[in-house]
């Protein structure tokens, strides 16, 4: 019984990750990773951006002809800030690339890789036995490849769980009302009334 539930839970988590989307999970995990391990760099990046914006605003308000020395000093400050910000953004981008590779590898191992390992480890075990004669000559296929005759193998149970979850997802999506497609937006209503008036 534990094997039935474990395989179903594993398939469900895999499908849940695909519903949410790996990119959404990656962005969430990366922002959490930055807050925990690179909080100083993120704070430095925010501070640099605000400093650059305030200095640039001050530079734009300063006349280059009347106060050239002040304008030039502000210009150098903006250029230095932009160079520092570009360097910091490059470091954070490299961090994100490395994190993305590790995170995607972890997701694959925790879902698809674990399904392969469970399927291989329990390849000769029966998930459960079927009553004799229920599926006639197709019974051998349900125990494919190595499970005892008259039983359901891990691979077949994984496929069945995945199919049931996909059908359940489709049913839930069809039951949920989609308001954006059924009602025209305000701009569509205006364009319809413009067409009628002309």
N, C-alpha and C. Protein backbone atom coordinates (compact mmCIF):
# COMPACT_ATOMS: atom_id res chain seq x y z
N UNK A 1 0.83 -1.20 0.00
CA UNK A 1 0.00 0.00 0.00
C UNK A 1 0.87 1.26 0.00
N UNK A 2 1.99 1.21 0.70
CA UNK A 2 2.89 2.37 0.77
C UNK A 2 3.47 2.68 -0.61
N UNK A 3 3.75 1.64 -1.40
CA UNK A 3 4.30 1.84 -2.74
C UNK A 3 3.30 2.53 -3.65
N UNK A 4 2.03 2.17 -3.54
CA UNK A 4 0.98 2.81 -4.35
C UNK A 4 0.95 4.31 -4.06
N UNK A 5 0.93 4.66 -2.78
CA UNK A 5 0.83 6.07 -2.38
C UNK A 5 2.11 6.82 -2.73
N UNK A 6 3.26 6.19 -2.53
CA UNK A 6 4.54 6.86 -2.82
C UNK A 6 4.66 7.18 -4.30
N UNK A 7 4.31 6.24 -5.17
CA UNK A 7 4.39 6.49 -6.61
C UNK A 7 3.40 7.55 -7.02
N UNK A 8 2.16 7.49 -6.49
CA UNK A 8 1.16 8.50 -6.83
C UNK A 8 1.63 9.89 -6.38
N UNK A 9 2.17 9.98 -5.16
CA UNK A 9 2.65 11.27 -4.65
C UNK A 9 3.79 11.81 -5.50
N UNK A 10 4.69 10.94 -5.92
CA UNK A 10 5.82 11.35 -6.75
C UNK A 10 5.34 11.87 -8.10
N UNK A 11 4.41 11.16 -8.72
CA UNK A 11 3.86 11.61 -10.01
C UNK A 11 3.09 12.92 -9.83
N UNK A 12 2.34 13.04 -8.74
CA UNK A 12 1.56 14.25 -8.48
C UNK A 12 2.48 15.46 -8.30
N UNK A 13 3.56 15.30 -7.56
CA UNK A 13 4.51 16.41 -7.35
C UNK A 13 5.14 16.81 -8.68
N UNK A 14 5.49 15.82 -9.51
CA UNK A 14 6.07 16.11 -10.82
C UNK A 14 5.10 16.91 -11.67
N UNK A 15 3.83 16.51 -11.70
CA UNK A 15 2.83 17.23 -12.48
C UNK A 15 2.55 18.61 -11.89
N UNK A 16 2.56 18.72 -10.58
CA UNK A 16 2.35 20.02 -9.93
C UNK A 16 3.45 20.99 -10.32
N UNK A 17 4.67 20.51 -10.36
CA UNK A 17 5.79 21.37 -10.77
C UNK A 17 5.62 21.81 -12.21
N UNK A 18 5.14 20.92 -13.07
CA UNK A 18 4.93 21.32 -14.47
C UNK A 18 3.75 22.29 -14.60
N UNK A 19 2.73 22.17 -13.74
CA UNK A 19 1.60 23.12 -13.78
C UNK A 19 2.06 24.51 -13.34
N UNK A 20 2.80 24.56 -12.25
CA UNK A 20 3.27 25.86 -11.74
C UNK A 20 4.27 26.46 -12.73
N UNK A 21 5.13 25.64 -13.25
CA UNK A 21 6.14 26.10 -14.20
C UNK A 21 7.50 26.19 -13.54
N UNK A 22 8.49 25.64 -14.20
CA UNK A 22 9.84 25.64 -13.65
C UNK A 22 10.39 27.05 -13.56
N UNK A 23 10.04 27.91 -14.52
CA UNK A 23 10.57 29.27 -14.50
C UNK A 23 10.03 30.05 -13.29
N UNK A 24 8.75 29.84 -12.95
CA UNK A 24 8.17 30.51 -11.78
C UNK A 24 8.86 30.03 -10.51
N UNK A 25 9.04 28.73 -10.39
CA UNK A 25 9.73 28.17 -9.22
C UNK A 25 11.17 28.65 -9.15
N UNK A 26 11.82 28.74 -10.31
CA UNK A 26 13.21 29.20 -10.35
C UNK A 26 13.31 30.64 -9.85
N UNK A 27 12.41 31.52 -10.32
CA UNK A 27 12.45 32.92 -9.89
C UNK A 27 12.20 33.04 -8.39
N UNK A 28 11.24 32.28 -7.87
CA UNK A 28 10.94 32.31 -6.44
C UNK A 28 12.14 31.82 -5.63
N UNK A 29 12.70 30.68 -6.04
CA UNK A 29 13.83 30.10 -5.31
C UNK A 29 15.06 31.01 -5.41
N UNK A 30 15.26 31.64 -6.57
CA UNK A 30 16.43 32.51 -6.74
C UNK A 30 16.30 33.76 -5.88
N UNK A 31 15.10 34.35 -5.81
CA UNK A 31 14.94 35.54 -4.97
C UNK A 31 15.17 35.18 -3.50
N UNK A 32 14.71 34.01 -3.10
CA UNK A 32 14.94 33.54 -1.73
C UNK A 32 16.43 33.31 -1.49
N UNK A 33 17.10 32.71 -2.47
CA UNK A 33 18.54 32.46 -2.39
C UNK A 33 19.32 33.77 -2.26
N UNK A 34 18.93 34.78 -3.05
CA UNK A 34 19.61 36.07 -2.97
C UNK A 34 19.44 36.71 -1.60
N UNK A 35 18.22 36.65 -1.07
CA UNK A 35 17.96 37.25 0.25
C UNK A 35 18.78 36.58 1.35
N UNK A 36 18.99 35.28 1.22
CA UNK A 36 19.69 34.56 2.28
C UNK A 36 21.21 34.67 2.13
N UNK A 37 21.73 34.42 0.92
CA UNK A 37 23.18 34.31 0.74
C UNK A 37 23.85 35.54 0.14
N UNK A 38 23.11 36.38 -0.55
CA UNK A 38 23.71 37.55 -1.22
C UNK A 38 22.96 38.83 -0.88
N UNK A 39 22.52 38.96 0.34
CA UNK A 39 21.75 40.14 0.75
C UNK A 39 22.57 41.42 0.62
N UNK A 40 23.87 41.34 0.90
CA UNK A 40 24.73 42.53 0.82
C UNK A 40 24.83 43.04 -0.62
N UNK A 41 24.97 42.12 -1.58
CA UNK A 41 25.07 42.54 -2.99
C UNK A 41 23.77 43.15 -3.48
N UNK A 42 22.63 42.56 -3.07
CA UNK A 42 21.33 43.09 -3.48
C UNK A 42 21.13 44.48 -2.90
N UNK A 43 21.50 44.66 -1.63
CA UNK A 43 21.38 45.98 -0.99
C UNK A 43 22.30 46.98 -1.68
N UNK A 44 23.51 46.54 -2.02
CA UNK A 44 24.46 47.41 -2.72
C UNK A 44 23.91 47.80 -4.09
N UNK A 45 23.28 46.85 -4.79
CA UNK A 45 22.71 47.13 -6.10
C UNK A 45 21.60 48.17 -6.00
N UNK A 46 20.71 48.02 -5.01
CA UNK A 46 19.62 48.99 -4.82
C UNK A 46 20.17 50.38 -4.49
N UNK A 47 21.18 50.41 -3.62
CA UNK A 47 21.77 51.68 -3.22
C UNK A 47 22.44 52.36 -4.41
N UNK A 48 23.15 51.57 -5.23
CA UNK A 48 23.80 52.12 -6.42
C UNK A 48 22.78 52.70 -7.39
N UNK A 49 21.69 51.97 -7.61
CA UNK A 49 20.66 52.46 -8.53
C UNK A 49 20.07 53.78 -8.06
N UNK A 50 19.73 53.85 -6.76
CA UNK A 50 19.13 55.09 -6.26
C UNK A 50 20.13 56.24 -6.30
N UNK A 51 21.42 55.96 -6.02
CA UNK A 51 22.45 57.00 -6.08
C UNK A 51 22.62 57.50 -7.51
N UNK A 52 22.67 56.58 -8.46
CA UNK A 52 22.83 56.97 -9.86
C UNK A 52 21.65 57.82 -10.31
N UNK A 53 20.44 57.40 -9.95
CA UNK A 53 19.25 58.18 -10.37
C UNK A 53 19.25 59.57 -9.77
N UNK A 54 19.58 59.69 -8.50
CA UNK A 54 19.58 61.02 -7.88
C UNK A 54 20.69 61.90 -8.46
N UNK A 55 21.88 61.31 -8.70
CA UNK A 55 22.98 62.08 -9.28
C UNK A 55 22.66 62.50 -10.72
N UNK A 56 22.02 61.60 -11.47
CA UNK A 56 21.66 61.92 -12.86
C UNK A 56 20.61 63.03 -12.89
N UNK A 57 19.67 62.97 -11.96
CA UNK A 57 18.64 64.01 -11.88
C UNK A 57 19.28 65.36 -11.57
N UNK A 58 20.23 65.35 -10.64
CA UNK A 58 20.93 66.59 -10.29
C UNK A 58 21.75 67.09 -11.47
N UNK A 59 22.37 66.16 -12.22
CA UNK A 59 23.17 66.54 -13.38
C UNK A 59 22.31 67.17 -14.47
N UNK A 60 21.11 66.61 -14.68
CA UNK A 60 20.21 67.16 -15.70
C UNK A 60 19.70 68.55 -15.31
N UNK A 61 19.63 68.82 -14.01
CA UNK A 61 19.16 70.13 -13.56
C UNK A 61 20.28 71.17 -13.54
N UNK A 62 21.53 70.72 -13.71
CA UNK A 62 22.68 71.61 -13.70
C UNK A 62 23.02 72.00 -15.13
N UNK A 63 23.26 73.24 -15.35
CA UNK A 63 23.61 73.72 -16.69
C UNK A 63 25.06 73.40 -16.98
N UNK A 64 25.32 72.77 -18.11
CA UNK A 64 26.68 72.40 -18.49
C UNK A 64 27.50 73.63 -18.86
N UNK A 65 26.86 74.69 -19.33
CA UNK A 65 27.59 75.90 -19.73
C UNK A 65 27.89 76.79 -18.53
N UNK A 66 26.91 76.94 -17.64
CA UNK A 66 27.09 77.87 -16.51
C UNK A 66 27.92 77.27 -15.38
N UNK A 67 27.73 75.99 -15.09
CA UNK A 67 28.42 75.32 -13.98
C UNK A 67 29.12 74.07 -14.50
N UNK A 68 30.07 74.29 -15.39
CA UNK A 68 30.70 73.14 -16.06
C UNK A 68 31.45 72.23 -15.08
N UNK A 69 32.14 72.80 -14.12
CA UNK A 69 32.93 71.97 -13.17
C UNK A 69 32.00 71.05 -12.38
N UNK A 70 30.90 71.60 -11.89
CA UNK A 70 29.94 70.80 -11.13
C UNK A 70 29.30 69.73 -12.02
N UNK A 71 28.94 70.14 -13.26
CA UNK A 71 28.31 69.21 -14.21
C UNK A 71 29.26 68.07 -14.55
N UNK A 72 30.54 68.39 -14.79
CA UNK A 72 31.54 67.37 -15.15
C UNK A 72 31.76 66.39 -13.99
N UNK A 73 31.78 66.94 -12.75
CA UNK A 73 31.96 66.08 -11.57
C UNK A 73 30.77 65.12 -11.43
N UNK A 74 29.56 65.65 -11.65
CA UNK A 74 28.36 64.80 -11.59
C UNK A 74 28.38 63.76 -12.70
N UNK A 75 28.83 64.15 -13.88
CA UNK A 75 28.90 63.24 -15.02
C UNK A 75 29.87 62.09 -14.73
N UNK A 76 31.03 62.40 -14.16
CA UNK A 76 32.00 61.35 -13.80
C UNK A 76 31.42 60.42 -12.74
N UNK A 77 30.69 61.01 -11.80
CA UNK A 77 30.07 60.21 -10.74
C UNK A 77 29.04 59.24 -11.32
N UNK A 78 28.23 59.73 -12.28
CA UNK A 78 27.23 58.87 -12.93
C UNK A 78 27.92 57.76 -13.72
N UNK A 79 28.96 58.11 -14.47
CA UNK A 79 29.67 57.11 -15.26
C UNK A 79 30.32 56.04 -14.38
N UNK A 80 30.91 56.47 -13.27
CA UNK A 80 31.52 55.50 -12.35
C UNK A 80 30.45 54.61 -11.72
N UNK A 81 29.33 55.21 -11.34
CA UNK A 81 28.23 54.44 -10.77
C UNK A 81 27.68 53.42 -11.75
N UNK A 82 27.54 53.83 -13.02
CA UNK A 82 27.04 52.90 -14.05
C UNK A 82 28.03 51.76 -14.28
N UNK A 83 29.32 52.06 -14.25
CA UNK A 83 30.33 51.00 -14.43
C UNK A 83 30.28 50.02 -13.25
N UNK A 84 30.16 50.56 -12.03
CA UNK A 84 30.07 49.69 -10.85
C UNK A 84 28.80 48.84 -10.88
N UNK A 85 27.69 49.47 -11.31
CA UNK A 85 26.42 48.74 -11.40
C UNK A 85 26.48 47.64 -12.45
N UNK A 86 27.12 47.93 -13.57
CA UNK A 86 27.25 46.92 -14.63
C UNK A 86 28.09 45.73 -14.15
N UNK A 87 29.16 46.02 -13.40
CA UNK A 87 30.00 44.95 -12.85
C UNK A 87 29.21 44.11 -11.85
N UNK A 88 28.45 44.77 -10.98
CA UNK A 88 27.65 44.06 -9.98
C UNK A 88 26.55 43.24 -10.64
N UNK A 89 25.91 43.80 -11.68
CA UNK A 89 24.88 43.06 -12.42
C UNK A 89 25.47 41.83 -13.10
N UNK A 90 26.70 41.95 -13.59
CA UNK A 90 27.38 40.80 -14.21
C UNK A 90 27.64 39.70 -13.19
N UNK A 91 28.05 40.10 -11.98
CA UNK A 91 28.28 39.10 -10.93
C UNK A 91 26.99 38.40 -10.54
N UNK A 92 25.91 39.18 -10.39
CA UNK A 92 24.63 38.59 -10.03
C UNK A 92 24.07 37.72 -11.15
N UNK A 93 24.34 38.12 -12.40
CA UNK A 93 23.90 37.31 -13.55
C UNK A 93 24.63 35.98 -13.58
N UNK A 94 25.92 36.01 -13.29
CA UNK A 94 26.69 34.75 -13.24
C UNK A 94 26.19 33.87 -12.10
N UNK A 95 25.85 34.51 -10.98
CA UNK A 95 25.30 33.76 -9.84
C UNK A 95 23.99 33.11 -10.24
N UNK A 96 23.14 33.85 -10.98
CA UNK A 96 21.85 33.31 -11.38
C UNK A 96 22.01 32.15 -12.35
N UNK A 97 22.97 32.24 -13.25
CA UNK A 97 23.20 31.16 -14.21
C UNK A 97 23.61 29.88 -13.48
N UNK A 98 24.53 30.00 -12.54
CA UNK A 98 24.95 28.83 -11.77
C UNK A 98 23.82 28.26 -10.92
N UNK A 99 23.06 29.17 -10.31
CA UNK A 99 21.93 28.72 -9.48
C UNK A 99 20.88 28.03 -10.33
N UNK A 100 20.61 28.58 -11.52
CA UNK A 100 19.62 28.00 -12.42
C UNK A 100 20.00 26.58 -12.83
N UNK A 101 21.26 26.37 -13.13
CA UNK A 101 21.74 25.04 -13.51
C UNK A 101 21.56 24.05 -12.36
N UNK A 102 21.94 24.47 -11.16
CA UNK A 102 21.81 23.59 -9.99
C UNK A 102 20.35 23.33 -9.64
N UNK A 103 19.52 24.37 -9.74
CA UNK A 103 18.10 24.23 -9.39
C UNK A 103 17.38 23.30 -10.37
N UNK A 104 17.64 23.48 -11.66
CA UNK A 104 17.01 22.61 -12.67
C UNK A 104 17.48 21.16 -12.52
N UNK A 105 18.76 20.98 -12.18
CA UNK A 105 19.27 19.62 -11.94
C UNK A 105 18.58 19.00 -10.73
N UNK A 106 18.43 19.79 -9.67
CA UNK A 106 17.74 19.31 -8.47
C UNK A 106 16.30 18.91 -8.78
N UNK A 107 15.59 19.77 -9.55
CA UNK A 107 14.20 19.45 -9.90
C UNK A 107 14.12 18.16 -10.70
N UNK A 108 15.04 17.97 -11.65
CA UNK A 108 15.00 16.76 -12.46
C UNK A 108 15.27 15.53 -11.59
N UNK A 109 16.26 15.62 -10.71
CA UNK A 109 16.59 14.49 -9.84
C UNK A 109 15.43 14.19 -8.90
N UNK A 110 14.81 15.25 -8.35
CA UNK A 110 13.74 15.06 -7.37
C UNK A 110 12.44 14.56 -7.99
N UNK A 111 12.30 14.70 -9.29
CA UNK A 111 11.04 14.27 -9.93
C UNK A 111 11.30 13.12 -10.91
N UNK A 112 11.76 13.43 -12.09
CA UNK A 112 11.96 12.41 -13.12
C UNK A 112 13.01 11.39 -12.73
N UNK A 113 14.12 11.85 -12.18
CA UNK A 113 15.17 10.93 -11.77
C UNK A 113 14.70 9.98 -10.69
N UNK A 114 13.96 10.52 -9.72
CA UNK A 114 13.45 9.67 -8.64
C UNK A 114 12.42 8.67 -9.16
N UNK A 115 11.61 9.09 -10.14
CA UNK A 115 10.66 8.14 -10.75
C UNK A 115 11.40 7.00 -11.43
N UNK A 116 12.49 7.32 -12.13
CA UNK A 116 13.27 6.27 -12.78
C UNK A 116 13.89 5.32 -11.76
N UNK A 117 14.41 5.87 -10.67
CA UNK A 117 15.02 5.04 -9.64
C UNK A 117 13.98 4.14 -8.98
N UNK A 118 12.82 4.71 -8.65
CA UNK A 118 11.75 3.90 -8.02
C UNK A 118 11.30 2.81 -8.98
N UNK A 119 11.11 3.17 -10.27
CA UNK A 119 10.70 2.17 -11.26
C UNK A 119 11.72 1.06 -11.41
N UNK A 120 13.01 1.42 -11.37
CA UNK A 120 14.04 0.40 -11.52
C UNK A 120 14.15 -0.44 -10.24
N UNK A 121 14.12 0.21 -9.08
CA UNK A 121 14.29 -0.50 -7.82
C UNK A 121 13.17 -1.50 -7.57
N UNK A 122 11.96 -1.11 -7.89
CA UNK A 122 10.80 -1.97 -7.66
C UNK A 122 10.30 -2.62 -8.96
N UNK A 123 11.19 -2.82 -9.92
CA UNK A 123 10.79 -3.35 -11.22
C UNK A 123 10.21 -4.76 -11.13
N UNK A 124 10.63 -5.54 -10.15
CA UNK A 124 10.14 -6.91 -10.01
C UNK A 124 9.04 -7.03 -8.96
N UNK A 125 8.67 -5.92 -8.36
CA UNK A 125 7.64 -5.94 -7.31
C UNK A 125 6.27 -5.62 -7.90
N UNK A 126 5.27 -6.17 -7.29
CA UNK A 126 3.89 -5.88 -7.70
C UNK A 126 3.39 -4.70 -6.86
N UNK A 127 2.83 -3.70 -7.54
CA UNK A 127 2.24 -2.58 -6.81
C UNK A 127 0.97 -3.08 -6.12
N UNK A 128 0.16 -3.80 -6.87
CA UNK A 128 -1.00 -4.51 -6.31
C UNK A 128 -1.41 -5.60 -7.30
N UNK A 129 -2.19 -6.56 -6.81
CA UNK A 129 -2.63 -7.67 -7.65
C UNK A 129 -4.05 -7.43 -8.12
N UNK A 130 -4.32 -7.84 -9.36
CA UNK A 130 -5.66 -7.72 -9.93
C UNK A 130 -6.44 -9.01 -9.68
N UNK A 131 -7.76 -8.92 -9.56
CA UNK A 131 -8.56 -10.14 -9.48
C UNK A 131 -8.39 -10.94 -10.76
N UNK A 132 -8.29 -12.25 -10.68
CA UNK A 132 -8.06 -13.07 -11.88
C UNK A 132 -9.19 -12.91 -12.89
N UNK A 133 -8.81 -12.78 -14.16
CA UNK A 133 -9.77 -12.74 -15.24
C UNK A 133 -10.35 -11.36 -15.54
N UNK A 134 -9.94 -10.31 -14.85
CA UNK A 134 -10.52 -8.98 -15.09
C UNK A 134 -10.16 -8.43 -16.47
N UNK A 135 -8.90 -8.59 -16.86
CA UNK A 135 -8.47 -8.03 -18.13
C UNK A 135 -8.11 -9.10 -19.15
N UNK A 136 -8.36 -10.32 -18.85
CA UNK A 136 -8.13 -11.42 -19.80
C UNK A 136 -6.69 -11.47 -20.26
N UNK A 137 -6.50 -11.52 -21.61
CA UNK A 137 -5.13 -11.65 -22.13
C UNK A 137 -4.26 -10.39 -21.93
N UNK A 138 -4.89 -9.25 -21.59
CA UNK A 138 -4.09 -8.03 -21.39
C UNK A 138 -3.42 -7.97 -20.02
N UNK A 139 -3.68 -8.94 -19.18
CA UNK A 139 -3.12 -8.94 -17.83
C UNK A 139 -1.60 -8.93 -17.86
N UNK A 140 -1.02 -9.63 -18.84
CA UNK A 140 0.44 -9.68 -18.92
C UNK A 140 1.02 -8.29 -19.17
N UNK A 141 0.30 -7.44 -19.92
CA UNK A 141 0.81 -6.09 -20.23
C UNK A 141 0.85 -5.23 -18.96
N UNK A 142 -0.09 -5.39 -18.07
CA UNK A 142 -0.13 -4.59 -16.83
C UNK A 142 1.02 -4.94 -15.89
N UNK A 143 1.59 -6.12 -16.03
CA UNK A 143 2.74 -6.49 -15.19
C UNK A 143 4.06 -6.28 -15.92
N UNK A 144 4.00 -5.69 -17.09
CA UNK A 144 5.19 -5.45 -17.91
C UNK A 144 6.15 -4.50 -17.18
N UNK A 145 7.44 -4.67 -17.15
CA UNK A 145 8.22 -5.70 -17.79
C UNK A 145 8.55 -6.90 -16.90
N UNK A 146 8.73 -6.69 -15.58
CA UNK A 146 9.24 -7.80 -14.76
C UNK A 146 8.36 -8.17 -13.58
N UNK A 147 7.24 -7.50 -13.36
CA UNK A 147 6.39 -7.80 -12.20
C UNK A 147 5.73 -9.16 -12.37
N UNK A 148 5.32 -9.79 -11.27
CA UNK A 148 4.68 -11.10 -11.37
C UNK A 148 3.38 -11.05 -12.18
N UNK A 149 3.04 -12.13 -12.82
CA UNK A 149 1.82 -12.18 -13.64
C UNK A 149 0.60 -11.94 -12.75
N UNK A 150 -0.36 -11.19 -13.29
CA UNK A 150 -1.58 -10.89 -12.56
C UNK A 150 -1.47 -9.68 -11.65
N UNK A 151 -0.35 -8.96 -11.76
CA UNK A 151 -0.17 -7.77 -10.93
C UNK A 151 0.02 -6.54 -11.81
N UNK A 152 0.07 -5.38 -11.17
CA UNK A 152 0.35 -4.13 -11.87
C UNK A 152 1.77 -3.71 -11.50
N UNK A 153 2.58 -3.43 -12.52
CA UNK A 153 3.98 -3.06 -12.27
C UNK A 153 4.09 -1.58 -11.95
N UNK A 154 5.27 -1.18 -11.48
CA UNK A 154 5.53 0.23 -11.14
C UNK A 154 5.40 1.15 -12.35
N UNK A 155 5.96 0.72 -13.47
CA UNK A 155 5.90 1.55 -14.68
C UNK A 155 4.47 1.78 -15.15
N UNK A 156 3.66 0.73 -15.14
CA UNK A 156 2.27 0.86 -15.56
C UNK A 156 1.51 1.73 -14.56
N UNK A 157 1.77 1.57 -13.27
CA UNK A 157 1.10 2.38 -12.25
C UNK A 157 1.49 3.85 -12.38
N UNK A 158 2.75 4.13 -12.70
CA UNK A 158 3.18 5.51 -12.93
C UNK A 158 2.44 6.12 -14.12
N UNK A 159 2.34 5.35 -15.21
CA UNK A 159 1.61 5.87 -16.39
C UNK A 159 0.15 6.11 -16.07
N UNK A 160 -0.47 5.19 -15.33
CA UNK A 160 -1.88 5.34 -14.97
C UNK A 160 -2.10 6.57 -14.08
N UNK A 161 -1.22 6.76 -13.10
CA UNK A 161 -1.33 7.93 -12.21
C UNK A 161 -1.19 9.23 -13.00
N UNK A 162 -0.20 9.25 -13.90
CA UNK A 162 0.02 10.46 -14.71
C UNK A 162 -1.19 10.76 -15.57
N UNK A 163 -1.77 9.75 -16.17
CA UNK A 163 -2.94 9.94 -17.03
C UNK A 163 -4.14 10.45 -16.22
N UNK A 164 -4.37 9.87 -15.06
CA UNK A 164 -5.50 10.29 -14.22
C UNK A 164 -5.31 11.74 -13.77
N UNK A 165 -4.10 12.11 -13.40
CA UNK A 165 -3.84 13.49 -12.95
C UNK A 165 -4.03 14.46 -14.11
N UNK A 166 -3.58 14.10 -15.31
CA UNK A 166 -3.76 14.97 -16.49
C UNK A 166 -5.25 15.15 -16.80
N UNK A 167 -6.03 14.06 -16.73
CA UNK A 167 -7.47 14.16 -16.98
C UNK A 167 -8.12 15.04 -15.91
N UNK A 168 -7.70 14.86 -14.65
CA UNK A 168 -8.22 15.69 -13.57
C UNK A 168 -7.90 17.16 -13.79
N UNK A 169 -6.70 17.46 -14.26
CA UNK A 169 -6.32 18.84 -14.56
C UNK A 169 -7.21 19.42 -15.65
N UNK A 170 -7.44 18.64 -16.70
CA UNK A 170 -8.27 19.11 -17.81
C UNK A 170 -9.70 19.39 -17.34
N UNK A 171 -10.25 18.51 -16.50
CA UNK A 171 -11.61 18.69 -15.98
C UNK A 171 -11.69 19.96 -15.14
N UNK A 172 -10.70 20.18 -14.29
CA UNK A 172 -10.70 21.38 -13.44
C UNK A 172 -10.59 22.64 -14.28
N UNK A 173 -9.75 22.62 -15.30
CA UNK A 173 -9.61 23.80 -16.17
C UNK A 173 -10.89 24.09 -16.94
N UNK A 174 -11.59 23.05 -17.37
CA UNK A 174 -12.83 23.26 -18.10
C UNK A 174 -13.95 23.76 -17.20
N UNK A 175 -13.90 23.39 -15.91
CA UNK A 175 -14.93 23.82 -14.98
C UNK A 175 -14.73 25.26 -14.52
N UNK A 176 -13.49 25.74 -14.57
CA UNK A 176 -13.21 27.10 -14.13
C UNK A 176 -13.68 28.08 -15.20
N UNK A 177 -14.45 29.13 -14.80
CA UNK A 177 -14.91 30.10 -15.80
C UNK A 177 -13.76 30.99 -16.25
N UNK A 178 -13.77 31.29 -17.53
CA UNK A 178 -12.76 32.18 -18.10
C UNK A 178 -13.45 33.48 -18.45
N UNK A 179 -13.29 34.49 -17.61
CA UNK A 179 -14.01 35.75 -17.79
C UNK A 179 -13.42 36.62 -18.88
N UNK A 180 -12.11 36.54 -19.12
CA UNK A 180 -11.49 37.42 -20.10
C UNK A 180 -11.90 37.08 -21.53
N UNK A 181 -12.24 35.84 -21.81
CA UNK A 181 -12.63 35.47 -23.17
C UNK A 181 -14.13 35.67 -23.41
N UNK A 182 -14.94 35.59 -22.36
CA UNK A 182 -16.38 35.66 -22.57
C UNK A 182 -16.89 37.09 -22.66
N UNK A 183 -16.28 38.03 -21.92
CA UNK A 183 -16.73 39.41 -21.94
C UNK A 183 -15.71 40.28 -22.65
N UNK A 184 -16.16 41.16 -23.58
CA UNK A 184 -15.20 42.05 -24.22
C UNK A 184 -14.71 43.11 -23.24
N UNK A 185 -13.48 43.51 -23.40
CA UNK A 185 -12.89 44.53 -22.53
C UNK A 185 -13.42 45.90 -22.87
N UNK A 186 -13.08 46.94 -22.09
CA UNK A 186 -13.59 48.29 -22.33
C UNK A 186 -13.17 48.84 -23.68
N UNK A 187 -11.94 48.56 -24.13
CA UNK A 187 -11.49 49.07 -25.42
C UNK A 187 -12.25 48.41 -26.56
N UNK A 188 -12.62 47.12 -26.41
CA UNK A 188 -13.38 46.43 -27.45
C UNK A 188 -14.80 47.01 -27.53
N UNK A 189 -15.40 47.33 -26.37
CA UNK A 189 -16.74 47.90 -26.36
C UNK A 189 -16.74 49.27 -27.04
N UNK A 190 -15.68 50.10 -26.77
CA UNK A 190 -15.60 51.42 -27.39
C UNK A 190 -15.45 51.30 -28.89
N UNK A 191 -14.59 50.35 -29.35
CA UNK A 191 -14.37 50.21 -30.79
C UNK A 191 -15.65 49.71 -31.47
N UNK A 192 -16.45 48.85 -30.79
CA UNK A 192 -17.71 48.39 -31.35
C UNK A 192 -18.69 49.55 -31.48
N UNK A 193 -18.76 50.42 -30.47
CA UNK A 193 -19.68 51.55 -30.53
C UNK A 193 -19.24 52.56 -31.57
N UNK A 194 -17.90 52.72 -31.79
CA UNK A 194 -17.40 53.62 -32.84
C UNK A 194 -17.79 53.11 -34.22
N UNK A 195 -17.73 51.77 -34.41
CA UNK A 195 -18.10 51.19 -35.70
C UNK A 195 -19.57 51.41 -35.99
N UNK A 196 -20.41 51.28 -34.94
CA UNK A 196 -21.85 51.46 -35.14
C UNK A 196 -22.21 52.90 -35.46
N UNK A 197 -21.48 53.85 -34.86
CA UNK A 197 -21.82 55.27 -35.07
C UNK A 197 -21.40 55.74 -36.45
N UNK A 198 -20.42 55.07 -37.11
CA UNK A 198 -19.97 55.51 -38.43
C UNK A 198 -20.67 54.82 -39.52
